[in-house]
Amino acid sequence: MRHHTLALALAMMSSLAASAAHADGCYICTHGSTDACRDYCSYSGSDTSENRRLCQRRGCRIGGTASCPTAVNYRVCLAPPRAPAPVLAVCDAAHPHG
């Protein structure tokens, strides 16, 4: 029983670590950033060079990464989200109304 508990705990920890690596986050914007990006720039997905470029284009001079703040007294600009994959709709011609 002890072996199963340890295996379950390890599986849960690795699952949490994998999800945290792909979580949304924020870059800390340093002195010289635009007013819109005064404190942070929020990005979607992982910390990648593309997300860094998107935040830099918004006017963020990146000084590091952090969790995004929830307080209202911070200025957080948004990196444009990546376009979602197109959705293909399938229609049933034999039953057009349901």
PDB file of N, CA and C in Angstrom:
ATOM      1  N   MET A   1       0.826  -1.194   0.000  1.00  0.00           N
ATOM      2  CA  MET A   1       0.000   0.000   0.000  1.00  0.00           C
ATOM      3  C   MET A   1       0.869   1.256   0.000  1.00  0.00           C
ATOM      4  N   ARG A   2       1.945   1.222   0.762  1.00  0.00           N
ATOM      5  CA  ARG A   2       2.828   2.374   0.849  1.00  0.00           C
ATOM      6  C   ARG A   2       3.443   2.704  -0.512  1.00  0.00           C
ATOM      7  N   HIS A   3       3.795   1.669  -1.281  1.00  0.00           N
ATOM      8  CA  HIS A   3       4.382   1.844  -2.603  1.00  0.00           C
ATOM      9  C   HIS A   3       3.400   2.537  -3.554  1.00  0.00           C
ATOM     10  N   HIS A   4       2.127   2.166  -3.457  1.00  0.00           N
ATOM     11  CA  HIS A   4       1.105   2.765  -4.321  1.00  0.00           C
ATOM     12  C   HIS A   4       0.887   4.235  -3.966  1.00  0.00           C
ATOM     13  N   THR A   5       0.924   4.565  -2.689  1.00  0.00           N
ATOM     14  CA  THR A   5       0.747   5.948  -2.250  1.00  0.00           C
ATOM     15  C   THR A   5       1.893   6.825  -2.759  1.00  0.00           C
ATOM     16  N   LEU A   6       3.119   6.303  -2.672  1.00  0.00           N
ATOM     17  CA  LEU A   6       4.275   7.047  -3.154  1.00  0.00           C
ATOM     18  C   LEU A   6       4.206   7.253  -4.667  1.00  0.00           C
ATOM     19  N   ALA A   7       3.817   6.217  -5.393  1.00  0.00           N
ATOM     20  CA  ALA A   7       3.697   6.327  -6.851  1.00  0.00           C
ATOM     21  C   ALA A   7       2.635   7.346  -7.234  1.00  0.00           C
ATOM     22  N   LEU A   8       1.508   7.355  -6.516  1.00  0.00           N
ATOM     23  CA  LEU A   8       0.443   8.312  -6.792  1.00  0.00           C
ATOM     24  C   LEU A   8       0.914   9.734  -6.501  1.00  0.00           C
ATOM     25  N   ALA A   9       1.624   9.932  -5.404  1.00  0.00           N
ATOM     26  CA  ALA A   9       2.131  11.262  -5.063  1.00  0.00           C
ATOM     27  C   ALA A   9       3.112  11.764  -6.113  1.00  0.00           C
ATOM     28  N   LEU A  10       4.005  10.896  -6.575  1.00  0.00           N
ATOM     29  CA  LEU A  10       4.962  11.294  -7.611  1.00  0.00           C
ATOM     30  C   LEU A  10       4.256  11.631  -8.919  1.00  0.00           C
ATOM     31  N   ALA A  11       3.249  10.867  -9.286  1.00  0.00           N
ATOM     32  CA  ALA A  11       2.498  11.142 -10.512  1.00  0.00           C
ATOM     33  C   ALA A  11       1.788  12.490 -10.421  1.00  0.00           C
ATOM     34  N   MET A  12       1.213  12.797  -9.267  1.00  0.00           N
ATOM     35  CA  MET A  12       0.521  14.075  -9.101  1.00  0.00           C
ATOM     36  C   MET A  12       1.496  15.241  -9.165  1.00  0.00           C
ATOM     37  N   MET A  13       2.670  15.090  -8.552  1.00  0.00           N
ATOM     38  CA  MET A  13       3.661  16.168  -8.578  1.00  0.00           C
ATOM     39  C   MET A  13       4.173  16.414  -9.988  1.00  0.00           C
ATOM     40  N   SER A  14       4.408  15.366 -10.758  1.00  0.00           N
ATOM     41  CA  SER A  14       4.892  15.561 -12.125  1.00  0.00           C
ATOM     42  C   SER A  14       3.816  16.183 -12.997  1.00  0.00           C
ATOM     43  N   SER A  15       2.563  15.856 -12.752  1.00  0.00           N
ATOM     44  CA  SER A  15       1.462  16.456 -13.498  1.00  0.00           C
ATOM     45  C   SER A  15       1.355  17.944 -13.200  1.00  0.00           C
ATOM     46  N   LEU A  16       1.493  18.315 -11.924  1.00  0.00           N
ATOM     47  CA  LEU A  16       1.445  19.734 -11.557  1.00  0.00           C
ATOM     48  C   LEU A  16       2.622  20.500 -12.145  1.00  0.00           C
ATOM     49  N   ALA A  17       3.791  19.902 -12.146  1.00  0.00           N
ATOM     50  CA  ALA A  17       4.966  20.569 -12.710  1.00  0.00           C
ATOM     51  C   ALA A  17       4.805  20.779 -14.203  1.00  0.00           C
ATOM     52  N   ALA A  18       4.247  19.820 -14.896  1.00  0.00           N
ATOM     53  CA  ALA A  18       4.041  19.956 -16.340  1.00  0.00           C
ATOM     54  C   ALA A  18       3.032  21.047 -16.650  1.00  0.00           C
ATOM     55  N   SER A  19       1.963  21.149 -15.866  1.00  0.00           N
ATOM     56  CA  SER A  19       0.970  22.188 -16.127  1.00  0.00           C
ATOM     57  C   SER A  19       1.514  23.562 -15.784  1.00  0.00           C
ATOM     58  N   ALA A  20       2.360  23.669 -14.773  1.00  0.00           N
ATOM     59  CA  ALA A  20       2.936  24.963 -14.405  1.00  0.00           C
ATOM     60  C   ALA A  20       3.896  25.458 -15.474  1.00  0.00           C
ATOM     61  N   ALA A  21       4.561  24.575 -16.175  1.00  0.00           N
ATOM     62  CA  ALA A  21       5.500  24.977 -17.212  1.00  0.00           C
ATOM     63  C   ALA A  21       4.784  25.599 -18.403  1.00  0.00           C
ATOM     64  N   HIS A  22       3.510  25.296 -18.576  1.00  0.00           N
ATOM     65  CA  HIS A  22       2.759  25.814 -19.706  1.00  0.00           C
ATOM     66  C   HIS A  22       1.676  26.797 -19.279  1.00  0.00           C
ATOM     67  N   ALA A  23       1.766  27.292 -18.072  1.00  0.00           N
ATOM     68  CA  ALA A  23       0.767  28.228 -17.570  1.00  0.00           C
ATOM     69  C   ALA A  23       1.024  29.631 -18.099  1.00  0.00           C
ATOM     70  N   ASP A  24      -0.022  30.430 -18.099  1.00  0.00           N
ATOM     71  CA  ASP A  24       0.125  31.821 -18.474  1.00  0.00           C
ATOM     72  C   ASP A  24       0.911  32.535 -17.379  1.00  0.00           C
ATOM     73  N   GLY A  25       1.533  33.630 -17.739  1.00  0.00           N
ATOM     74  CA  GLY A  25       2.320  34.359 -16.749  1.00  0.00           C
ATOM     75  C   GLY A  25       2.503  35.802 -17.138  1.00  0.00           C
ATOM     76  N   CYS A  26       3.388  36.460 -16.425  1.00  0.00           N
ATOM     77  CA  CYS A  26       3.681  37.866 -16.667  1.00  0.00           C
ATOM     78  C   CYS A  26       5.184  38.098 -16.700  1.00  0.00           C
ATOM     79  N   TYR A  27       5.565  39.073 -17.503  1.00  0.00           N
ATOM     80  CA  TYR A  27       6.929  39.576 -17.470  1.00  0.00           C
ATOM     81  C   TYR A  27       6.909  40.836 -16.613  1.00  0.00           C
ATOM     82  N   ILE A  28       7.941  41.019 -15.826  1.00  0.00           N
ATOM     83  CA  ILE A  28       8.090  42.231 -15.035  1.00  0.00           C
ATOM     84  C   ILE A  28       8.640  43.309 -15.971  1.00  0.00           C
ATOM     85  N   CYS A  29       7.932  44.424 -16.076  1.00  0.00           N
ATOM     86  CA  CYS A  29       8.373  45.521 -16.930  1.00  0.00           C
ATOM     87  C   CYS A  29       9.159  46.520 -16.079  1.00  0.00           C
ATOM     88  N   THR A  30      10.342  46.866 -16.530  1.00  0.00           N
ATOM     89  CA  THR A  30      11.235  47.724 -15.761  1.00  0.00           C
ATOM     90  C   THR A  30      11.115  49.188 -16.181  1.00  0.00           C
ATOM     91  N   HIS A  31      11.903  50.035 -15.531  1.00  0.00           N
ATOM     92  CA  HIS A  31      11.950  51.466 -15.829  1.00  0.00           C
ATOM     93  C   HIS A  31      12.192  51.680 -17.327  1.00  0.00           C
ATOM     94  N   GLY A  32      11.449  52.583 -17.917  1.00  0.00           N
ATOM     95  CA  GLY A  32      11.579  52.872 -19.336  1.00  0.00           C
ATOM     96  C   GLY A  32      10.512  52.186 -20.175  1.00  0.00           C
ATOM     97  N   SER A  33       9.662  51.386 -19.536  1.00  0.00           N
ATOM     98  CA  SER A  33       8.557  50.753 -20.259  1.00  0.00           C
ATOM     99  C   SER A  33       7.471  51.789 -20.510  1.00  0.00           C
ATOM    100  N   THR A  34       6.614  51.533 -21.474  1.00  0.00           N
ATOM    101  CA  THR A  34       5.509  52.452 -21.759  1.00  0.00           C
ATOM    102  C   THR A  34       4.560  52.487 -20.570  1.00  0.00           C
ATOM    103  N   ASP A  35       3.725  53.532 -20.500  1.00  0.00           N
ATOM    104  CA  ASP A  35       2.795  53.674 -19.387  1.00  0.00           C
ATOM    105  C   ASP A  35       1.807  52.508 -19.335  1.00  0.00           C
ATOM    106  N   ALA A  36       1.386  52.003 -20.484  1.00  0.00           N
ATOM    107  CA  ALA A  36       0.442  50.879 -20.516  1.00  0.00           C
ATOM    108  C   ALA A  36       1.063  49.622 -19.915  1.00  0.00           C
ATOM    109  N   CYS A  37       2.365  49.483 -20.055  1.00  0.00           N
ATOM    110  CA  CYS A  37       3.102  48.321 -19.523  1.00  0.00           C
ATOM    111  C   CYS A  37       3.981  48.737 -18.350  1.00  0.00           C
ATOM    112  N   ARG A  38       3.503  49.640 -17.550  1.00  0.00           N
ATOM    113  CA  ARG A  38       4.319  50.201 -16.475  1.00  0.00           C
ATOM    114  C   ARG A  38       4.857  49.143 -15.514  1.00  0.00           C
ATOM    115  N   ASP A  39       4.046  48.107 -15.198  1.00  0.00           N
ATOM    116  CA  ASP A  39       4.457  47.132 -14.190  1.00  0.00           C
ATOM    117  C   ASP A  39       4.678  45.720 -14.756  1.00  0.00           C
ATOM    118  N   TYR A  40       3.721  45.245 -15.550  1.00  0.00           N
ATOM    119  CA  TYR A  40       3.779  43.866 -16.049  1.00  0.00           C
ATOM    120  C   TYR A  40       3.229  43.762 -17.466  1.00  0.00           C
ATOM    121  N   CYS A  41       3.622  42.685 -18.141  1.00  0.00           N
ATOM    122  CA  CYS A  41       3.034  42.331 -19.433  1.00  0.00           C
ATOM    123  C   CYS A  41       2.605  40.874 -19.338  1.00  0.00           C
ATOM    124  N   SER A  42       1.328  40.640 -19.538  1.00  0.00           N
ATOM    125  CA  SER A  42       0.765  39.298 -19.444  1.00  0.00           C
ATOM    126  C   SER A  42       0.886  38.585 -20.784  1.00  0.00           C
ATOM    127  N   TYR A  43       1.265  37.308 -20.731  1.00  0.00           N
ATOM    128  CA  TYR A  43       1.365  36.504 -21.945  1.00  0.00           C
ATOM    129  C   TYR A  43       0.616  35.199 -21.774  1.00  0.00           C
ATOM    130  N   SER A  44       0.308  34.572 -22.885  1.00  0.00           N
ATOM    131  CA  SER A  44      -0.433  33.323 -22.887  1.00  0.00           C
ATOM    132  C   SER A  44       0.507  32.173 -23.222  1.00  0.00           C
ATOM    133  N   GLY A  45       0.428  31.093 -22.464  1.00  0.00           N
ATOM    134  CA  GLY A  45       1.267  29.932 -22.737  1.00  0.00           C
ATOM    135  C   GLY A  45       2.568  29.976 -21.957  1.00  0.00           C
ATOM    136  N   SER A  46       3.614  29.454 -22.567  1.00  0.00           N
ATOM    137  CA  SER A  46       4.924  29.348 -21.916  1.00  0.00           C
ATOM    138  C   SER A  46       5.763  30.605 -22.118  1.00  0.00           C
ATOM    139  N   ASP A  47       6.825  30.709 -21.335  1.00  0.00           N
ATOM    140  CA  ASP A  47       7.802  31.790 -21.491  1.00  0.00           C
ATOM    141  C   ASP A  47       8.656  31.454 -22.710  1.00  0.00           C
ATOM    142  N   THR A  48       8.350  32.080 -23.837  1.00  0.00           N
ATOM    143  CA  THR A  48       9.067  31.816 -25.082  1.00  0.00           C
ATOM    144  C   THR A  48       9.631  33.114 -25.639  1.00  0.00           C
ATOM    145  N   SER A  49      10.546  32.992 -26.576  1.00  0.00           N
ATOM    146  CA  SER A  49      11.095  34.194 -27.211  1.00  0.00           C
ATOM    147  C   SER A  49      10.006  34.944 -27.973  1.00  0.00           C
ATOM    148  N   GLU A  50       9.030  34.227 -28.523  1.00  0.00           N
ATOM    149  CA  GLU A  50       7.922  34.890 -29.226  1.00  0.00           C
ATOM    150  C   GLU A  50       7.083  35.711 -28.251  1.00  0.00           C
ATOM    151  N   ASN A  51       6.766  35.166 -27.082  1.00  0.00           N
ATOM    152  CA  ASN A  51       6.004  35.929 -26.087  1.00  0.00           C
ATOM    153  C   ASN A  51       6.809  37.125 -25.593  1.00  0.00           C
ATOM    154  N   ARG A  52       8.114  36.969 -25.443  1.00  0.00           N
ATOM    155  CA  ARG A  52       8.963  38.101 -25.045  1.00  0.00           C
ATOM    156  C   ARG A  52       8.916  39.203 -26.109  1.00  0.00           C
ATOM    157  N   ARG A  53       9.011  38.810 -27.379  1.00  0.00           N
ATOM    158  CA  ARG A  53       8.938  39.797 -28.471  1.00  0.00           C
ATOM    159  C   ARG A  53       7.595  40.518 -28.469  1.00  0.00           C
ATOM    160  N   LEU A  54       6.507  39.775 -28.248  1.00  0.00           N
ATOM    161  CA  LEU A  54       5.185  40.398 -28.232  1.00  0.00           C
ATOM    162  C   LEU A  54       5.085  41.446 -27.123  1.00  0.00           C
ATOM    163  N   CYS A  55       5.601  41.120 -25.953  1.00  0.00           N
ATOM    164  CA  CYS A  55       5.554  42.084 -24.848  1.00  0.00           C
ATOM    165  C   CYS A  55       6.484  43.263 -25.103  1.00  0.00           C
ATOM    166  N   GLN A  56       7.638  43.015 -25.701  1.00  0.00           N
ATOM    167  CA  GLN A  56       8.549  44.118 -26.020  1.00  0.00           C
ATOM    168  C   GLN A  56       7.913  45.057 -27.037  1.00  0.00           C
ATOM    169  N   ARG A  57       7.183  44.500 -28.001  1.00  0.00           N
ATOM    170  CA  ARG A  57       6.487  45.349 -28.988  1.00  0.00           C
ATOM    171  C   ARG A  57       5.414  46.205 -28.338  1.00  0.00           C
ATOM    172  N   ARG A  58       4.848  45.723 -27.227  1.00  0.00           N
ATOM    173  CA  ARG A  58       3.842  46.496 -26.507  1.00  0.00           C
ATOM    174  C   ARG A  58       4.474  47.599 -25.673  1.00  0.00           C
ATOM    175  N   GLY A  59       5.789  47.546 -25.507  1.00  0.00           N
ATOM    176  CA  GLY A  59       6.477  48.595 -24.767  1.00  0.00           C
ATOM    177  C   GLY A  59       7.045  48.163 -23.430  1.00  0.00           C
ATOM    178  N   CYS A  60       7.121  46.863 -23.190  1.00  0.00           N
ATOM    179  CA  CYS A  60       7.652  46.357 -21.931  1.00  0.00           C
ATOM    180  C   CYS A  60       9.155  46.114 -22.050  1.00  0.00           C
ATOM    181  N   ARG A  61       9.920  46.707 -21.156  1.00  0.00           N
ATOM    182  CA  ARG A  61      11.353  46.409 -21.042  1.00  0.00           C
ATOM    183  C   ARG A  61      11.456  45.317 -19.987  1.00  0.00           C
ATOM    184  N   ILE A  62      11.606  44.085 -20.424  1.00  0.00           N
ATOM    185  CA  ILE A  62      11.488  42.912 -19.561  1.00  0.00           C
ATOM    186  C   ILE A  62      12.655  42.811 -18.587  1.00  0.00           C
ATOM    187  N   GLY A  63      12.292  42.624 -17.311  1.00  0.00           N
ATOM    188  CA  GLY A  63      13.293  42.467 -16.274  1.00  0.00           C
ATOM    189  C   GLY A  63      13.249  41.108 -15.606  1.00  0.00           C
ATOM    190  N   GLY A  64      12.276  40.285 -15.961  1.00  0.00           N
ATOM    191  CA  GLY A  64      12.139  38.960 -15.368  1.00  0.00           C
ATOM    192  C   GLY A  64      10.732  38.443 -15.540  1.00  0.00           C
ATOM    193  N   THR A  65      10.443  37.315 -14.903  1.00  0.00           N
ATOM    194  CA  THR A  65       9.108  36.726 -14.976  1.00  0.00           C
ATOM    195  C   THR A  65       8.500  36.683 -13.583  1.00  0.00           C
ATOM    196  N   ALA A  66       7.182  36.613 -13.548  1.00  0.00           N
ATOM    197  CA  ALA A  66       6.467  36.564 -12.271  1.00  0.00           C
ATOM    198  C   ALA A  66       5.058  36.046 -12.508  1.00  0.00           C
ATOM    199  N   SER A  67       4.394  35.716 -11.424  1.00  0.00           N
ATOM    200  CA  SER A  67       2.960  35.452 -11.505  1.00  0.00           C
ATOM    201  C   SER A  67       2.281  36.791 -11.739  1.00  0.00           C
ATOM    202  N   CYS A  68       1.192  36.773 -12.458  1.00  0.00           N
ATOM    203  CA  CYS A  68       0.486  38.024 -12.723  1.00  0.00           C
ATOM    204  C   CYS A  68      -0.198  38.518 -11.448  1.00  0.00           C
ATOM    205  N   PRO A  69      -0.119  39.810 -11.184  1.00  0.00           N
ATOM    206  CA  PRO A  69      -0.741  40.350  -9.976  1.00  0.00           C
ATOM    207  C   PRO A  69      -2.260  40.389 -10.117  1.00  0.00           C
ATOM    208  N   THR A  70      -2.930  40.342  -8.988  1.00  0.00           N
ATOM    209  CA  THR A  70      -4.390  40.423  -8.996  1.00  0.00           C
ATOM    210  C   THR A  70      -4.881  41.753  -8.434  1.00  0.00           C
ATOM    211  N   ALA A  71      -3.992  42.531  -7.843  1.00  0.00           N
ATOM    212  CA  ALA A  71      -4.376  43.833  -7.276  1.00  0.00           C
ATOM    213  C   ALA A  71      -4.647  44.822  -8.408  1.00  0.00           C
ATOM    214  N   VAL A  72      -5.544  45.756  -8.153  1.00  0.00           N
ATOM    215  CA  VAL A  72      -5.953  46.709  -9.182  1.00  0.00           C
ATOM    216  C   VAL A  72      -4.976  47.865  -9.366  1.00  0.00           C
ATOM    217  N   ASN A  73      -4.008  48.017  -8.473  1.00  0.00           N
ATOM    218  CA  ASN A  73      -3.105  49.159  -8.569  1.00  0.00           C
ATOM    219  C   ASN A  73      -1.885  48.884  -9.452  1.00  0.00           C
ATOM    220  N   TYR A  74      -1.864  47.807 -10.206  1.00  0.00           N
ATOM    221  CA  TYR A  74      -0.775  47.503 -11.137  1.00  0.00           C
ATOM    222  C   TYR A  74      -1.234  47.722 -12.567  1.00  0.00           C
ATOM    223  N   ARG A  75      -0.338  48.222 -13.402  1.00  0.00           N
ATOM    224  CA  ARG A  75      -0.606  48.346 -14.837  1.00  0.00           C
ATOM    225  C   ARG A  75      -0.091  47.090 -15.518  1.00  0.00           C
ATOM    226  N   VAL A  76      -0.964  46.382 -16.202  1.00  0.00           N
ATOM    227  CA  VAL A  76      -0.599  45.139 -16.889  1.00  0.00           C
ATOM    228  C   VAL A  76      -1.075  45.241 -18.330  1.00  0.00           C
ATOM    229  N   CYS A  77      -0.126  45.242 -19.264  1.00  0.00           N
ATOM    230  CA  CYS A  77      -0.517  45.217 -20.667  1.00  0.00           C
ATOM    231  C   CYS A  77      -0.588  43.751 -21.105  1.00  0.00           C
ATOM    232  N   LEU A  78      -1.243  43.513 -22.216  1.00  0.00           N
ATOM    233  CA  LEU A  78      -1.454  42.150 -22.692  1.00  0.00           C
ATOM    234  C   LEU A  78      -0.734  41.923 -24.002  1.00  0.00           C
ATOM    235  N   ALA A  79       0.062  40.862 -24.050  1.00  0.00           N
ATOM    236  CA  ALA A  79       0.639  40.455 -25.325  1.00  0.00           C
ATOM    237  C   ALA A  79      -0.508  39.864 -26.146  1.00  0.00           C
ATOM    238  N   PRO A  80      -0.552  40.150 -27.422  1.00  0.00           N
ATOM    239  CA  PRO A  80      -1.656  39.596 -28.217  1.00  0.00           C
ATOM    240  C   PRO A  80      -1.651  38.073 -28.145  1.00  0.00           C
ATOM    241  N   PRO A  81      -2.813  37.479 -27.879  1.00  0.00           N
ATOM    242  CA  PRO A  81      -2.868  36.020 -27.832  1.00  0.00           C
ATOM    243  C   PRO A  81      -2.671  35.430 -29.223  1.00  0.00           C
ATOM    244  N   ARG A  82      -2.162  34.231 -29.262  1.00  0.00           N
ATOM    245  CA  ARG A  82      -2.005  33.556 -30.544  1.00  0.00           C
ATOM    246  C   ARG A  82      -3.384  33.223 -31.089  1.00  0.00           C
ATOM    247  N   ALA A  83      -3.511  33.267 -32.398  1.00  0.00           N
ATOM    248  CA  ALA A  83      -4.788  32.954 -33.025  1.00  0.00           C
ATOM    249  C   ALA A  83      -5.116  31.493 -32.783  1.00  0.00           C
ATOM    250  N   PRO A  84      -6.359  31.195 -32.394  1.00  0.00           N
ATOM    251  CA  PRO A  84      -6.726  29.802 -32.178  1.00  0.00           C
ATOM    252  C   PRO A  84      -6.758  29.041 -33.504  1.00  0.00           C
ATOM    253  N   ALA A  85      -6.587  27.758 -33.397  1.00  0.00           N
ATOM    254  CA  ALA A  85      -6.654  26.915 -34.599  1.00  0.00           C
ATOM    255  C   ALA A  85      -8.061  27.008 -35.170  1.00  0.00           C
ATOM    256  N   PRO A  86      -8.188  27.019 -36.488  1.00  0.00           N
ATOM    257  CA  PRO A  86      -9.516  27.116 -37.080  1.00  0.00           C
ATOM    258  C   PRO A  86     -10.355  25.891 -36.728  1.00  0.00           C
ATOM    259  N   VAL A  87     -11.647  26.140 -36.559  1.00  0.00           N
ATOM    260  CA  VAL A  87     -12.581  25.064 -36.232  1.00  0.00           C
ATOM    261  C   VAL A  87     -13.341  24.705 -37.491  1.00  0.00           C
ATOM    262  N   LEU A  88     -13.375  23.440 -37.792  1.00  0.00           N
ATOM    263  CA  LEU A  88     -14.082  22.951 -38.969  1.00  0.00           C
ATOM    264  C   LEU A  88     -15.441  22.445 -38.537  1.00  0.00           C
ATOM    265  N   ALA A  89     -16.486  23.058 -39.055  1.00  0.00           N
ATOM    266  CA  ALA A  89     -17.836  22.633 -38.716  1.00  0.00           C
ATOM    267  C   ALA A  89     -18.274  21.539 -39.693  1.00  0.00           C
ATOM    268  N   VAL A  90     -18.935  20.538 -39.166  1.00  0.00           N
ATOM    269  CA  VAL A  90     -19.427  19.448 -39.998  1.00  0.00           C
ATOM    270  C   VAL A  90     -20.940  19.512 -39.966  1.00  0.00           C
ATOM    271  N   CYS A  91     -21.539  19.570 -41.151  1.00  0.00           N
ATOM    272  CA  CYS A  91     -22.982  19.653 -41.263  1.00  0.00           C
ATOM    273  C   CYS A  91     -23.531  18.337 -41.798  1.00  0.00           C
ATOM    274  N   ASP A  92     -24.666  17.963 -41.292  1.00  0.00           N
ATOM    275  CA  ASP A  92     -25.344  16.756 -41.760  1.00  0.00           C
ATOM    276  C   ASP A  92     -26.437  17.194 -42.722  1.00  0.00           C
ATOM    277  N   ALA A  93     -26.204  17.029 -44.019  1.00  0.00           N
ATOM    278  CA  ALA A  93     -27.139  17.481 -45.043  1.00  0.00           C
ATOM    279  C   ALA A  93     -28.454  16.731 -44.962  1.00  0.00           C
ATOM    280  N   ALA A  94     -28.457  15.505 -44.459  1.00  0.00           N
ATOM    281  CA  ALA A  94     -29.681  14.722 -44.363  1.00  0.00           C
ATOM    282  C   ALA A  94     -30.593  15.233 -43.260  1.00  0.00           C
ATOM    283  N   HIS A  95     -30.032  15.871 -42.252  1.00  0.00           N
ATOM    284  CA  HIS A  95     -30.810  16.393 -41.134  1.00  0.00           C
ATOM    285  C   HIS A  95     -30.403  17.837 -40.859  1.00  0.00           C
ATOM    286  N   PRO A  96     -30.826  18.795 -41.689  1.00  0.00           N
ATOM    287  CA  PRO A  96     -30.354  20.171 -41.571  1.00  0.00           C
ATOM    288  C   PRO A  96     -30.791  20.886 -40.293  1.00  0.00           C
ATOM    289  N   HIS A  97     -31.830  20.438 -39.627  1.00  0.00           N
ATOM    290  CA  HIS A  97     -32.319  21.139 -38.443  1.00  0.00           C
ATOM    291  C   HIS A  97     -32.242  20.270 -37.179  1.00  0.00           C
ATOM    292  N   GLY A  98     -31.240  19.494 -37.067  1.00  0.00           N
ATOM    293  CA  GLY A  98     -31.086  18.758 -35.818  1.00  0.00           C
ATOM    294  C   GLY A  98     -30.960  17.335 -36.032  1.00  0.00           C
TER     295      GLY A  98
END
